[in-house]
């Protein structure tokens, strides 16, 4: 066999091997996506079963179920559009958040909360409301409680919103909603956070919260390891992002009447 023939044979083998490898990788990615979508679908179906069969008996449980229903609809839409493993995992996250709302609704109604849900690191780091608090800012009253009450019908399962931890608890109104919608916080939110959670165990200080830290990361602030970027008030915390602030004139009554 000539040298040219040998080189041609090697080239053919290399091409065939490359095609096989590409095919195997494509098949592996397809299986991973299908597995991730199947896992997401399982959580979406579990959430749907709860939403469709659970009826709230008071304002707090009704609101929590309504929030769970929103997550169910969002997760269903996300699942239809998921084209990657990461997108499928986001579906799972949305469905799990909805199930936390369901769990809160069941507890509010005095029912068994149901099976335990997977732990979430960010939710745990955000902390939780451990005592009743009531504050007034700019003539508007805000309240927080570890339990559902007539005065605190809005639940949040805890986690990060626009890069900052929001503690799990029941609130008089969804003060985190503007940041959830726009992706930015106003300076007014810092004052509310400071007034509402100052001294509460397991929750970051206002300075740490403003920098995106949770309570367990405040030692980074003390050591000066702040990263620099999180404190850019002009970009992330500026009032311009939120149209001048959402505490102006008790604006929650109008802005969030539909939630």
C-alpha atoms as a PDB file:
ATOM      1  CA  UNK A   1       0.000   0.000   0.000  1.00  0.00           C
ATOM      2  CA  UNK A   2       1.367   3.383  -0.972  1.00  0.00           C
ATOM      3  CA  UNK A   3       1.975   6.169   1.491  1.00  0.00           C
ATOM      4  CA  UNK A   4      -0.859   8.190  -0.064  1.00  0.00           C
ATOM      5  CA  UNK A   5      -3.283   5.308   0.363  1.00  0.00           C
ATOM      6  CA  UNK A   6      -2.288   4.902   3.996  1.00  0.00           C
ATOM      7  CA  UNK A   7      -2.820   8.609   4.682  1.00  0.00           C
ATOM      8  CA  UNK A   8      -6.202   8.472   2.942  1.00  0.00           C
ATOM      9  CA  UNK A   9      -7.249   5.480   5.032  1.00  0.00           C
ATOM     10  CA  UNK A  10      -6.192   7.237   8.231  1.00  0.00           C
ATOM     11  CA  UNK A  11      -8.087  10.342   7.187  1.00  0.00           C
ATOM     12  CA  UNK A  12     -11.232   8.304   6.538  1.00  0.00           C
ATOM     13  CA  UNK A  13     -10.908   6.616   9.939  1.00  0.00           C
ATOM     14  CA  UNK A  14     -10.436   9.998  11.638  1.00  0.00           C
ATOM     15  CA  UNK A  15     -13.473  11.471   9.890  1.00  0.00           C
ATOM     16  CA  UNK A  16     -15.639   8.483  10.777  1.00  0.00           C
ATOM     17  CA  UNK A  17     -14.404   8.608  14.365  1.00  0.00           C
ATOM     18  CA  UNK A  18     -15.178  12.331  14.567  1.00  0.00           C
ATOM     19  CA  UNK A  19     -18.681  11.793  13.216  1.00  0.00           C
ATOM     20  CA  UNK A  20     -19.294   9.011  15.739  1.00  0.00           C
ATOM     21  CA  UNK A  21     -18.038  11.205  18.577  1.00  0.00           C
ATOM     22  CA  UNK A  22     -20.236  14.116  17.509  1.00  0.00           C
ATOM     23  CA  UNK A  23     -23.216  11.796  17.242  1.00  0.00           C
ATOM     24  CA  UNK A  24     -22.556  10.371  20.704  1.00  0.00           C
ATOM     25  CA  UNK A  25     -22.250  13.848  22.205  1.00  0.00           C
ATOM     26  CA  UNK A  26     -25.460  14.961  20.523  1.00  0.00           C
ATOM     27  CA  UNK A  27     -27.262  11.884  21.817  1.00  0.00           C
ATOM     28  CA  UNK A  28     -25.902  12.458  25.329  1.00  0.00           C
ATOM     29  CA  UNK A  29     -27.114  16.061  25.310  1.00  0.00           C
ATOM     30  CA  UNK A  30     -30.503  14.918  24.038  1.00  0.00           C
ATOM     31  CA  UNK A  31     -30.817  12.374  26.853  1.00  0.00           C
ATOM     32  CA  UNK A  32     -29.717  14.930  29.456  1.00  0.00           C
ATOM     33  CA  UNK A  33     -32.308  17.397  28.179  1.00  0.00           C
ATOM     34  CA  UNK A  34     -35.042  14.771  28.159  1.00  0.00           C
ATOM     35  CA  UNK A  35     -34.130  13.706  31.702  1.00  0.00           C
ATOM     36  CA  UNK A  36     -34.131  17.332  32.908  1.00  0.00           C
ATOM     37  CA  UNK A  37     -37.471  17.997  31.213  1.00  0.00           C
ATOM     38  CA  UNK A  38     -38.955  14.815  32.681  1.00  0.00           C
ATOM     39  CA  UNK A  39     -37.846  15.894  36.169  1.00  0.00           C
ATOM     40  CA  UNK A  40     -39.268  19.374  35.599  1.00  0.00           C
ATOM     41  CA  UNK A  41     -42.532  17.935  34.284  1.00  0.00           C
ATOM     42  CA  UNK A  42     -42.862  15.817  37.425  1.00  0.00           C
ATOM     43  CA  UNK A  43     -42.657  18.917  39.641  1.00  0.00           C
ATOM     44  CA  UNK A  44     -45.002  20.907  37.403  1.00  0.00           C
ATOM     45  CA  UNK A  45     -47.581  18.122  37.536  1.00  0.00           C
ATOM     46  CA  UNK A  46     -47.250  17.892  41.302  1.00  0.00           C
ATOM     47  CA  UNK A  47     -47.800  21.638  41.581  1.00  0.00           C
ATOM     48  CA  UNK A  48     -50.762  21.474  39.210  1.00  0.00           C
ATOM     49  CA  UNK A  49     -52.407  18.765  41.269  1.00  0.00           C
ATOM     50  CA  UNK A  50     -52.189  20.940  44.368  1.00  0.00           C
ATOM     51  CA  UNK A  51     -53.314  24.157  42.686  1.00  0.00           C
ATOM     52  CA  UNK A  52     -56.319  22.537  41.024  1.00  0.00           C
ATOM     53  CA  UNK A  53     -57.490  20.712  44.136  1.00  0.00           C
ATOM     54  CA  UNK A  54     -56.787  23.216  46.906  1.00  0.00           C
ATOM     55  CA  UNK A  55     -59.151  26.007  47.865  1.00  0.00           C
ATOM     56  CA  UNK A  56     -58.171  28.735  50.293  1.00  0.00           C
ATOM     57  CA  UNK A  57     -60.332  29.356  53.329  1.00  0.00           C
ATOM     58  CA  UNK A  58     -59.055  32.838  54.202  1.00  0.00           C
ATOM     59  CA  UNK A  59     -57.320  35.770  52.526  1.00  0.00           C
ATOM     60  CA  UNK A  60     -53.793  34.533  53.295  1.00  0.00           C
ATOM     61  CA  UNK A  61     -54.298  30.993  51.980  1.00  0.00           C
ATOM     62  CA  UNK A  62     -56.203  32.265  48.949  1.00  0.00           C
ATOM     63  CA  UNK A  63     -53.381  34.666  48.118  1.00  0.00           C
ATOM     64  CA  UNK A  64     -50.737  31.957  48.542  1.00  0.00           C
ATOM     65  CA  UNK A  65     -52.685  29.619  46.256  1.00  0.00           C
ATOM     66  CA  UNK A  66     -53.055  32.423  43.700  1.00  0.00           C
ATOM     67  CA  UNK A  67     -49.278  32.932  43.769  1.00  0.00           C
ATOM     68  CA  UNK A  68     -48.780  29.182  43.395  1.00  0.00           C
ATOM     69  CA  UNK A  69     -51.125  29.205  40.404  1.00  0.00           C
ATOM     70  CA  UNK A  70     -49.054  31.962  38.790  1.00  0.00           C
ATOM     71  CA  UNK A  71     -45.926  29.801  39.188  1.00  0.00           C
ATOM     72  CA  UNK A  72     -47.775  26.817  37.734  1.00  0.00           C
ATOM     73  CA  UNK A  73     -48.755  28.746  34.613  1.00  0.00           C
ATOM     74  CA  UNK A  74     -45.258  30.196  34.278  1.00  0.00           C
ATOM     75  CA  UNK A  75     -43.617  26.792  34.696  1.00  0.00           C
ATOM     76  CA  UNK A  76     -45.902  25.257  32.074  1.00  0.00           C
ATOM     77  CA  UNK A  77     -44.971  27.956  29.583  1.00  0.00           C
ATOM     78  CA  UNK A  78     -41.277  27.609  30.379  1.00  0.00           C
ATOM     79  CA  UNK A  79     -41.451  23.832  29.923  1.00  0.00           C
ATOM     80  CA  UNK A  80     -42.907  24.167  26.442  1.00  0.00           C
ATOM     81  CA  UNK A  81     -40.037  26.447  25.421  1.00  0.00           C
ATOM     82  CA  UNK A  82     -37.168  24.660  27.205  1.00  0.00           C
ATOM     83  CA  UNK A  83     -34.381  23.823  24.757  1.00  0.00           C
ATOM     84  CA  UNK A  84     -31.510  23.257  27.185  1.00  0.00           C
ATOM     85  CA  UNK A  85     -30.811  21.524  30.470  1.00  0.00           C
ATOM     86  CA  UNK A  86     -30.420  24.917  32.168  1.00  0.00           C
ATOM     87  CA  UNK A  87     -33.810  26.068  30.912  1.00  0.00           C
ATOM     88  CA  UNK A  88     -35.385  22.830  32.126  1.00  0.00           C
ATOM     89  CA  UNK A  89     -33.835  23.382  35.559  1.00  0.00           C
ATOM     90  CA  UNK A  90     -35.375  26.856  35.654  1.00  0.00           C
ATOM     91  CA  UNK A  91     -38.746  25.185  35.107  1.00  0.00           C
ATOM     92  CA  UNK A  92     -38.070  22.982  38.125  1.00  0.00           C
ATOM     93  CA  UNK A  93     -37.119  26.032  40.202  1.00  0.00           C
ATOM     94  CA  UNK A  94     -40.347  27.807  39.255  1.00  0.00           C
ATOM     95  CA  UNK A  95     -42.464  24.772  40.073  1.00  0.00           C
ATOM     96  CA  UNK A  96     -40.708  24.277  43.409  1.00  0.00           C
ATOM     97  CA  UNK A  97     -41.318  27.903  44.317  1.00  0.00           C
ATOM     98  CA  UNK A  98     -44.996  27.333  43.579  1.00  0.00           C
ATOM     99  CA  UNK A  99     -44.990  24.303  45.863  1.00  0.00           C
ATOM    100  CA  UNK A 100     -43.557  26.433  48.679  1.00  0.00           C
ATOM    101  CA  UNK A 101     -46.555  28.726  48.261  1.00  0.00           C
ATOM    102  CA  UNK A 102     -48.839  25.684  48.382  1.00  0.00           C
ATOM    103  CA  UNK A 103     -47.103  24.477  51.532  1.00  0.00           C
ATOM    104  CA  UNK A 104     -47.592  27.904  53.135  1.00  0.00           C
ATOM    105  CA  UNK A 105     -51.271  27.896  52.171  1.00  0.00           C
ATOM    106  CA  UNK A 106     -51.801  24.462  53.703  1.00  0.00           C
ATOM    107  CA  UNK A 107     -50.115  25.520  56.940  1.00  0.00           C
ATOM    108  CA  UNK A 108     -52.194  28.708  57.028  1.00  0.00           C
ATOM    109  CA  UNK A 109     -55.338  26.573  56.821  1.00  0.00           C
ATOM    110  CA  UNK A 110     -54.164  24.231  59.579  1.00  0.00           C
ATOM    111  CA  UNK A 111     -53.579  21.354  57.148  1.00  0.00           C
ATOM    112  CA  UNK A 112     -50.681  18.934  56.927  1.00  0.00           C
ATOM    113  CA  UNK A 113     -47.977  20.723  54.904  1.00  0.00           C
ATOM    114  CA  UNK A 114     -47.343  17.629  52.824  1.00  0.00           C
ATOM    115  CA  UNK A 115     -44.024  15.998  51.842  1.00  0.00           C
ATOM    116  CA  UNK A 116     -40.822  17.902  52.440  1.00  0.00           C
ATOM    117  CA  UNK A 117     -39.477  19.911  49.529  1.00  0.00           C
ATOM    118  CA  UNK A 118     -35.846  19.990  48.358  1.00  0.00           C
ATOM    119  CA  UNK A 119     -33.620  22.397  50.242  1.00  0.00           C
ATOM    120  CA  UNK A 120     -32.545  25.569  48.491  1.00  0.00           C
ATOM    121  CA  UNK A 121     -29.280  27.239  49.481  1.00  0.00           C
ATOM    122  CA  UNK A 122     -30.347  30.791  48.622  1.00  0.00           C
ATOM    123  CA  UNK A 123     -33.667  30.362  50.404  1.00  0.00           C
ATOM    124  CA  UNK A 124     -31.899  29.183  53.533  1.00  0.00           C
ATOM    125  CA  UNK A 125     -29.336  31.987  53.372  1.00  0.00           C
ATOM    126  CA  UNK A 126     -32.041  34.637  53.049  1.00  0.00           C
ATOM    127  CA  UNK A 127     -33.270  33.814  56.547  1.00  0.00           C
ATOM    128  CA  UNK A 128     -36.831  34.006  57.768  1.00  0.00           C
ATOM    129  CA  UNK A 129     -39.091  36.271  59.774  1.00  0.00           C
ATOM    130  CA  UNK A 130     -38.943  35.064  63.372  1.00  0.00           C
ATOM    131  CA  UNK A 131     -41.062  37.664  65.159  1.00  0.00           C
ATOM    132  CA  UNK A 132     -43.896  40.080  64.457  1.00  0.00           C
ATOM    133  CA  UNK A 133     -42.737  43.458  63.232  1.00  0.00           C
ATOM    134  CA  UNK A 134     -44.677  46.594  62.332  1.00  0.00           C
ATOM    135  CA  UNK A 135     -43.081  49.777  61.020  1.00  0.00           C
ATOM    136  CA  UNK A 136     -44.226  53.013  59.436  1.00  0.00           C
ATOM    137  CA  UNK A 137     -42.403  54.802  56.646  1.00  0.00           C
ATOM    138  CA  UNK A 138     -43.571  57.952  54.889  1.00  0.00           C
ATOM    139  CA  UNK A 139     -46.958  57.591  56.520  1.00  0.00           C
ATOM    140  CA  UNK A 140     -47.418  54.018  55.309  1.00  0.00           C
ATOM    141  CA  UNK A 141     -47.626  50.975  57.581  1.00  0.00           C
ATOM    142  CA  UNK A 142     -45.761  47.739  56.841  1.00  0.00           C
ATOM    143  CA  UNK A 143     -45.916  44.506  58.813  1.00  0.00           C
ATOM    144  CA  UNK A 144     -44.135  41.158  58.820  1.00  0.00           C
ATOM    145  CA  UNK A 145     -44.859  37.956  60.714  1.00  0.00           C
ATOM    146  CA  UNK A 146     -43.741  34.317  60.822  1.00  0.00           C
ATOM    147  CA  UNK A 147     -47.433  33.303  60.582  1.00  0.00           C
ATOM    148  CA  UNK A 148     -50.254  34.085  58.221  1.00  0.00           C
ATOM    149  CA  UNK A 149     -52.567  36.694  59.701  1.00  0.00           C
ATOM    150  CA  UNK A 150     -55.260  39.019  58.498  1.00  0.00           C
ATOM    151  CA  UNK A 151     -52.693  41.824  58.628  1.00  0.00           C
ATOM    152  CA  UNK A 152     -50.021  39.786  56.793  1.00  0.00           C
ATOM    153  CA  UNK A 153     -51.664  37.874  53.923  1.00  0.00           C
ATOM    154  CA  UNK A 154     -48.713  37.940  51.488  1.00  0.00           C
ATOM    155  CA  UNK A 155     -46.226  35.078  51.701  1.00  0.00           C
ATOM    156  CA  UNK A 156     -42.735  34.898  50.270  1.00  0.00           C
ATOM    157  CA  UNK A 157     -40.783  31.608  50.463  1.00  0.00           C
ATOM    158  CA  UNK A 158     -37.416  33.316  50.799  1.00  0.00           C
ATOM    159  CA  UNK A 159     -34.588  33.690  48.318  1.00  0.00           C
ATOM    160  CA  UNK A 160     -32.892  36.328  46.224  1.00  0.00           C
ATOM    161  CA  UNK A 161     -34.697  39.032  44.308  1.00  0.00           C
ATOM    162  CA  UNK A 162     -32.591  41.249  42.047  1.00  0.00           C
ATOM    163  CA  UNK A 163     -29.437  40.080  43.838  1.00  0.00           C
ATOM    164  CA  UNK A 164     -30.600  40.684  47.402  1.00  0.00           C
ATOM    165  CA  UNK A 165     -31.955  38.238  49.993  1.00  0.00           C
ATOM    166  CA  UNK A 166     -35.637  38.502  50.905  1.00  0.00           C
ATOM    167  CA  UNK A 167     -36.484  36.585  54.105  1.00  0.00           C
ATOM    168  CA  UNK A 168     -39.187  33.945  54.170  1.00  0.00           C
ATOM    169  CA  UNK A 169     -42.302  35.167  55.911  1.00  0.00           C
ATOM    170  CA  UNK A 170     -45.758  36.707  55.726  1.00  0.00           C
ATOM    171  CA  UNK A 171     -46.073  40.391  54.917  1.00  0.00           C
ATOM    172  CA  UNK A 172     -48.723  43.076  54.819  1.00  0.00           C
ATOM    173  CA  UNK A 173     -47.899  43.630  51.158  1.00  0.00           C
ATOM    174  CA  UNK A 174     -45.451  42.296  48.575  1.00  0.00           C
ATOM    175  CA  UNK A 175     -42.739  44.922  48.992  1.00  0.00           C
ATOM    176  CA  UNK A 176     -40.315  42.842  46.871  1.00  0.00           C
ATOM    177  CA  UNK A 177     -42.586  42.856  43.787  1.00  0.00           C
ATOM    178  CA  UNK A 178     -41.179  46.009  42.108  1.00  0.00           C
ATOM    179  CA  UNK A 179     -37.644  44.579  42.199  1.00  0.00           C
ATOM    180  CA  UNK A 180     -38.958  41.220  40.983  1.00  0.00           C
ATOM    181  CA  UNK A 181     -40.548  42.938  37.981  1.00  0.00           C
ATOM    182  CA  UNK A 182     -37.817  45.464  37.140  1.00  0.00           C
ATOM    183  CA  UNK A 183     -34.707  43.691  38.407  1.00  0.00           C
ATOM    184  CA  UNK A 184     -33.662  46.715  40.500  1.00  0.00           C
ATOM    185  CA  UNK A 185     -34.210  48.009  44.028  1.00  0.00           C
ATOM    186  CA  UNK A 186     -34.728  51.595  45.126  1.00  0.00           C
ATOM    187  CA  UNK A 187     -32.969  53.303  48.017  1.00  0.00           C
ATOM    188  CA  UNK A 188     -36.335  53.400  49.769  1.00  0.00           C
ATOM    189  CA  UNK A 189     -36.251  49.616  50.016  1.00  0.00           C
ATOM    190  CA  UNK A 190     -33.061  49.868  52.081  1.00  0.00           C
ATOM    191  CA  UNK A 191     -34.865  51.990  54.654  1.00  0.00           C
ATOM    192  CA  UNK A 192     -37.752  49.531  54.784  1.00  0.00           C
ATOM    193  CA  UNK A 193     -35.412  46.563  55.153  1.00  0.00           C
ATOM    194  CA  UNK A 194     -33.486  48.303  57.935  1.00  0.00           C
ATOM    195  CA  UNK A 195     -36.637  49.276  59.820  1.00  0.00           C
ATOM    196  CA  UNK A 196     -38.357  45.934  59.347  1.00  0.00           C
ATOM    197  CA  UNK A 197     -35.524  43.512  60.107  1.00  0.00           C
ATOM    198  CA  UNK A 198     -33.040  45.415  62.285  1.00  0.00           C
ATOM    199  CA  UNK A 199     -31.773  43.079  65.006  1.00  0.00           C
ATOM    200  CA  UNK A 200     -33.801  40.081  63.816  1.00  0.00           C
ATOM    201  CA  UNK A 201     -31.818  36.866  64.217  1.00  0.00           C
ATOM    202  CA  UNK A 202     -30.529  35.193  61.060  1.00  0.00           C
ATOM    203  CA  UNK A 203     -31.187  38.145  58.752  1.00  0.00           C
ATOM    204  CA  UNK A 204     -28.560  40.401  57.229  1.00  0.00           C
ATOM    205  CA  UNK A 205     -28.090  43.986  58.378  1.00  0.00           C
ATOM    206  CA  UNK A 206     -29.268  46.742  56.048  1.00  0.00           C
ATOM    207  CA  UNK A 207     -25.673  47.480  54.978  1.00  0.00           C
ATOM    208  CA  UNK A 208     -25.031  43.825  54.163  1.00  0.00           C
ATOM    209  CA  UNK A 209     -28.367  43.532  52.384  1.00  0.00           C
ATOM    210  CA  UNK A 210     -27.669  46.617  50.296  1.00  0.00           C
ATOM    211  CA  UNK A 211     -24.416  44.980  49.176  1.00  0.00           C
ATOM    212  CA  UNK A 212     -26.152  41.715  48.295  1.00  0.00           C
ATOM    213  CA  UNK A 213     -24.876  39.762  51.304  1.00  0.00           C
ATOM    214  CA  UNK A 214     -26.894  37.482  53.543  1.00  0.00           C
ATOM    215  CA  UNK A 215     -26.412  37.206  57.303  1.00  0.00           C
ATOM    216  CA  UNK A 216     -23.808  34.457  56.972  1.00  0.00           C
ATOM    217  CA  UNK A 217     -21.645  36.583  54.678  1.00  0.00           C
ATOM    218  CA  UNK A 218     -21.355  39.729  56.805  1.00  0.00           C
ATOM    219  CA  UNK A 219     -17.854  38.727  57.866  1.00  0.00           C
ATOM    220  CA  UNK A 220     -16.843  39.464  54.276  1.00  0.00           C
ATOM    221  CA  UNK A 221     -17.911  43.051  54.837  1.00  0.00           C
ATOM    222  CA  UNK A 222     -15.893  43.273  58.033  1.00  0.00           C
ATOM    223  CA  UNK A 223     -12.789  42.053  56.194  1.00  0.00           C
ATOM    224  CA  UNK A 224     -13.338  44.607  53.450  1.00  0.00           C
ATOM    225  CA  UNK A 225     -13.934  41.985  50.741  1.00  0.00           C
ATOM    226  CA  UNK A 226     -16.814  43.805  49.117  1.00  0.00           C
ATOM    227  CA  UNK A 227     -16.090  43.291  45.455  1.00  0.00           C
ATOM    228  CA  UNK A 228     -16.880  46.913  44.698  1.00  0.00           C
ATOM    229  CA  UNK A 229     -19.607  46.429  42.140  1.00  0.00           C
ATOM    230  CA  UNK A 230     -22.505  45.704  44.447  1.00  0.00           C
ATOM    231  CA  UNK A 231     -22.371  49.130  46.052  1.00  0.00           C
ATOM    232  CA  UNK A 232     -23.019  51.048  42.842  1.00  0.00           C
ATOM    233  CA  UNK A 233     -26.020  53.002  43.972  1.00  0.00           C
ATOM    234  CA  UNK A 234     -26.275  54.837  40.702  1.00  0.00           C
ATOM    235  CA  UNK A 235     -26.783  51.681  38.680  1.00  0.00           C
ATOM    236  CA  UNK A 236     -28.631  49.209  40.844  1.00  0.00           C
ATOM    237  CA  UNK A 237     -30.099  51.168  43.714  1.00  0.00           C
ATOM    238  CA  UNK A 238     -30.932  54.398  41.950  1.00  0.00           C
ATOM    239  CA  UNK A 239     -34.434  55.822  42.260  1.00  0.00           C
ATOM    240  CA  UNK A 240     -34.579  56.356  38.505  1.00  0.00           C
ATOM    241  CA  UNK A 241     -34.931  52.630  37.878  1.00  0.00           C
ATOM    242  CA  UNK A 242     -38.187  52.553  39.808  1.00  0.00           C
ATOM    243  CA  UNK A 243     -39.775  55.825  38.759  1.00  0.00           C
ATOM    244  CA  UNK A 244     -38.876  57.749  41.902  1.00  0.00           C
ATOM    245  CA  UNK A 245     -39.483  55.095  44.529  1.00  0.00           C
ATOM    246  CA  UNK A 246     -42.411  52.852  45.423  1.00  0.00           C
ATOM    247  CA  UNK A 247     -42.974  54.253  48.920  1.00  0.00           C
ATOM    248  CA  UNK A 248     -44.189  57.555  47.553  1.00  0.00           C
ATOM    249  CA  UNK A 249     -47.590  58.322  49.014  1.00  0.00           C
ATOM    250  CA  UNK A 250     -48.335  54.746  50.056  1.00  0.00           C
ATOM    251  CA  UNK A 251     -48.276  53.653  46.417  1.00  0.00           C
ATOM    252  CA  UNK A 252     -48.647  49.931  47.106  1.00  0.00           C
ATOM    253  CA  UNK A 253     -52.375  50.259  47.380  1.00  0.00           C
ATOM    254  CA  UNK A 254     -52.642  51.176  43.728  1.00  0.00           C
ATOM    255  CA  UNK A 255     -49.594  49.441  42.293  1.00  0.00           C
ATOM    256  CA  UNK A 256     -50.262  46.023  43.778  1.00  0.00           C
ATOM    257  CA  UNK A 257     -53.998  45.855  44.098  1.00  0.00           C
ATOM    258  CA  UNK A 258     -54.011  42.943  41.664  1.00  0.00           C
ATOM    259  CA  UNK A 259     -51.597  40.746  43.574  1.00  0.00           C
END
